[in-house]
Amino acid sequence: MSSENRVTLIAVIVAVIIGIVMQVVFKFPTIVSAVVALFLGILVGFIVYLITNFMDKRKR
């Protein structure tokens, strides 16, 4: 498993945990915490993508 995939997998797991914590603390419905976790996962995946592209450009 490549390092980018590992980081993305960890980020999605953390996003799901944050969504569950927000559901418990703020009494959100399950769908709200699922949407928050989805957007956090997409955001972190996009950030990892940008960092990977930046590092690839620097290596050239």
N, C-alpha and C. Protein backbone atom coordinates (compact mmCIF):
# COMPACT_ATOMS: atom_id res chain seq x y z
N MET A 1 0.85 -1.18 0.00
CA MET A 1 0.00 0.00 0.00
C MET A 1 0.90 1.24 0.00
N SER A 2 0.63 2.16 -0.91
CA SER A 2 1.46 3.36 -1.00
C SER A 2 1.15 4.32 0.15
N SER A 3 2.06 5.24 0.36
CA SER A 3 1.91 6.16 1.49
C SER A 3 0.71 7.10 1.30
N GLU A 4 0.42 7.48 0.05
CA GLU A 4 -0.73 8.35 -0.19
C GLU A 4 -2.03 7.63 0.15
N ASN A 5 -2.12 6.37 -0.21
CA ASN A 5 -3.33 5.60 0.11
C ASN A 5 -3.48 5.43 1.61
N ARG A 6 -2.38 5.19 2.29
CA ARG A 6 -2.42 5.02 3.74
C ARG A 6 -2.87 6.31 4.42
N VAL A 7 -2.33 7.44 3.98
CA VAL A 7 -2.71 8.73 4.57
C VAL A 7 -4.18 9.03 4.30
N THR A 8 -4.64 8.75 3.10
CA THR A 8 -6.04 8.99 2.78
C THR A 8 -6.96 8.09 3.60
N LEU A 9 -6.58 6.84 3.78
CA LEU A 9 -7.38 5.92 4.58
C LEU A 9 -7.46 6.39 6.03
N ILE A 10 -6.33 6.81 6.58
CA ILE A 10 -6.32 7.32 7.95
C ILE A 10 -7.17 8.58 8.05
N ALA A 11 -7.09 9.45 7.04
CA ALA A 11 -7.87 10.69 7.06
C ALA A 11 -9.37 10.40 7.02
N VAL A 12 -9.78 9.42 6.25
CA VAL A 12 -11.21 9.08 6.18
C VAL A 12 -11.67 8.49 7.51
N ILE A 13 -10.84 7.66 8.13
CA ILE A 13 -11.20 7.10 9.43
C ILE A 13 -11.34 8.20 10.47
N VAL A 14 -10.40 9.16 10.47
CA VAL A 14 -10.49 10.28 11.41
C VAL A 14 -11.73 11.12 11.13
N ALA A 15 -12.06 11.32 9.85
CA ALA A 15 -13.26 12.09 9.50
C ALA A 15 -14.52 11.41 10.00
N VAL A 16 -14.58 10.09 9.90
CA VAL A 16 -15.74 9.36 10.40
C VAL A 16 -15.83 9.48 11.92
N ILE A 17 -14.69 9.38 12.60
CA ILE A 17 -14.69 9.53 14.06
C ILE A 17 -15.15 10.93 14.46
N ILE A 18 -14.67 11.95 13.74
CA ILE A 18 -15.10 13.33 14.03
C ILE A 18 -16.60 13.47 13.80
N GLY A 19 -17.12 12.86 12.74
CA GLY A 19 -18.56 12.90 12.48
C GLY A 19 -19.36 12.25 13.59
N ILE A 20 -18.89 11.11 14.10
CA ILE A 20 -19.59 10.43 15.19
C ILE A 20 -19.53 11.26 16.47
N VAL A 21 -18.37 11.84 16.77
CA VAL A 21 -18.25 12.69 17.96
C VAL A 21 -19.18 13.89 17.86
N MET A 22 -19.24 14.51 16.68
CA MET A 22 -20.15 15.65 16.50
C MET A 22 -21.60 15.22 16.66
N GLN A 23 -21.93 14.02 16.21
CA GLN A 23 -23.29 13.52 16.35
C GLN A 23 -23.65 13.37 17.82
N VAL A 24 -22.72 12.85 18.61
CA VAL A 24 -23.00 12.63 20.04
C VAL A 24 -23.04 13.95 20.79
N VAL A 25 -22.07 14.82 20.54
CA VAL A 25 -21.96 16.07 21.30
C VAL A 25 -23.08 17.04 20.95
N PHE A 26 -23.35 17.23 19.66
CA PHE A 26 -24.32 18.23 19.23
C PHE A 26 -25.70 17.65 18.94
N LYS A 27 -25.88 16.35 19.17
CA LYS A 27 -27.17 15.67 18.97
C LYS A 27 -27.66 15.80 17.53
N PHE A 28 -26.72 15.69 16.58
CA PHE A 28 -27.08 15.72 15.17
C PHE A 28 -27.71 14.40 14.76
N PRO A 29 -28.57 14.43 13.73
CA PRO A 29 -29.04 13.16 13.17
C PRO A 29 -27.88 12.41 12.49
N THR A 30 -28.06 11.15 12.26
CA THR A 30 -27.00 10.33 11.67
C THR A 30 -26.62 10.82 10.28
N ILE A 31 -27.57 11.27 9.50
CA ILE A 31 -27.28 11.71 8.13
C ILE A 31 -26.38 12.94 8.13
N VAL A 32 -26.55 13.82 9.10
CA VAL A 32 -25.71 15.02 9.17
C VAL A 32 -24.27 14.63 9.47
N SER A 33 -24.07 13.73 10.42
CA SER A 33 -22.70 13.31 10.73
C SER A 33 -22.08 12.56 9.56
N ALA A 34 -22.89 11.81 8.81
CA ALA A 34 -22.37 11.11 7.63
C ALA A 34 -21.93 12.10 6.56
N VAL A 35 -22.71 13.15 6.35
CA VAL A 35 -22.36 14.16 5.35
C VAL A 35 -21.11 14.92 5.78
N VAL A 36 -21.01 15.27 7.06
CA VAL A 36 -19.83 15.96 7.57
C VAL A 36 -18.59 15.08 7.38
N ALA A 37 -18.70 13.81 7.71
CA ALA A 37 -17.58 12.89 7.55
C ALA A 37 -17.19 12.75 6.08
N LEU A 38 -18.18 12.72 5.21
CA LEU A 38 -17.91 12.62 3.77
C LEU A 38 -17.15 13.84 3.28
N PHE A 39 -17.61 15.03 3.65
CA PHE A 39 -16.93 16.25 3.21
C PHE A 39 -15.53 16.37 3.81
N LEU A 40 -15.35 15.98 5.06
CA LEU A 40 -14.02 16.01 5.66
C LEU A 40 -13.09 15.03 4.94
N GLY A 41 -13.59 13.87 4.59
CA GLY A 41 -12.78 12.90 3.85
C GLY A 41 -12.38 13.42 2.48
N ILE A 42 -13.33 14.06 1.79
CA ILE A 42 -13.03 14.63 0.48
C ILE A 42 -12.01 15.75 0.61
N LEU A 43 -12.17 16.60 1.61
CA LEU A 43 -11.25 17.72 1.82
C LEU A 43 -9.84 17.23 2.08
N VAL A 44 -9.69 16.26 2.96
CA VAL A 44 -8.36 15.76 3.28
C VAL A 44 -7.76 15.03 2.07
N GLY A 45 -8.58 14.29 1.34
CA GLY A 45 -8.09 13.64 0.13
C GLY A 45 -7.60 14.65 -0.89
N PHE A 46 -8.31 15.76 -1.03
CA PHE A 46 -7.89 16.81 -1.95
C PHE A 46 -6.58 17.45 -1.50
N ILE A 47 -6.44 17.67 -0.20
CA ILE A 47 -5.19 18.24 0.32
C ILE A 47 -4.02 17.29 0.08
N VAL A 48 -4.23 16.00 0.30
CA VAL A 48 -3.18 15.02 0.03
C VAL A 48 -2.83 15.02 -1.45
N TYR A 49 -3.83 15.14 -2.32
CA TYR A 49 -3.59 15.21 -3.76
C TYR A 49 -2.74 16.43 -4.13
N LEU A 50 -3.07 17.58 -3.55
CA LEU A 50 -2.29 18.79 -3.84
C LEU A 50 -0.86 18.66 -3.35
N ILE A 51 -0.68 18.11 -2.16
CA ILE A 51 0.68 17.94 -1.62
C ILE A 51 1.47 16.97 -2.49
N THR A 52 0.84 15.90 -2.94
CA THR A 52 1.52 14.93 -3.79
C THR A 52 1.94 15.57 -5.11
N ASN A 53 1.06 16.36 -5.71
CA ASN A 53 1.42 17.04 -6.96
C ASN A 53 2.55 18.03 -6.73
N PHE A 54 2.52 18.75 -5.63
CA PHE A 54 3.57 19.71 -5.33
C PHE A 54 4.91 19.01 -5.15
N MET A 55 4.92 17.88 -4.45
CA MET A 55 6.16 17.15 -4.23
C MET A 55 6.68 16.55 -5.54
N ASP A 56 5.79 16.08 -6.41
CA ASP A 56 6.22 15.55 -7.70
C ASP A 56 6.84 16.63 -8.57
N LYS A 57 6.28 17.83 -8.55
CA LYS A 57 6.83 18.93 -9.34
C LYS A 57 8.20 19.34 -8.82
N ARG A 58 8.40 19.26 -7.51
CA ARG A 58 9.69 19.63 -6.94
C ARG A 58 10.77 18.63 -7.28
N LYS A 59 10.40 17.36 -7.44
CA LYS A 59 11.39 16.32 -7.75
C LYS A 59 11.92 16.45 -9.17
N ARG A 60 11.14 17.05 -10.06
CA ARG A 60 11.57 17.18 -11.45
C ARG A 60 12.58 18.23 -11.61
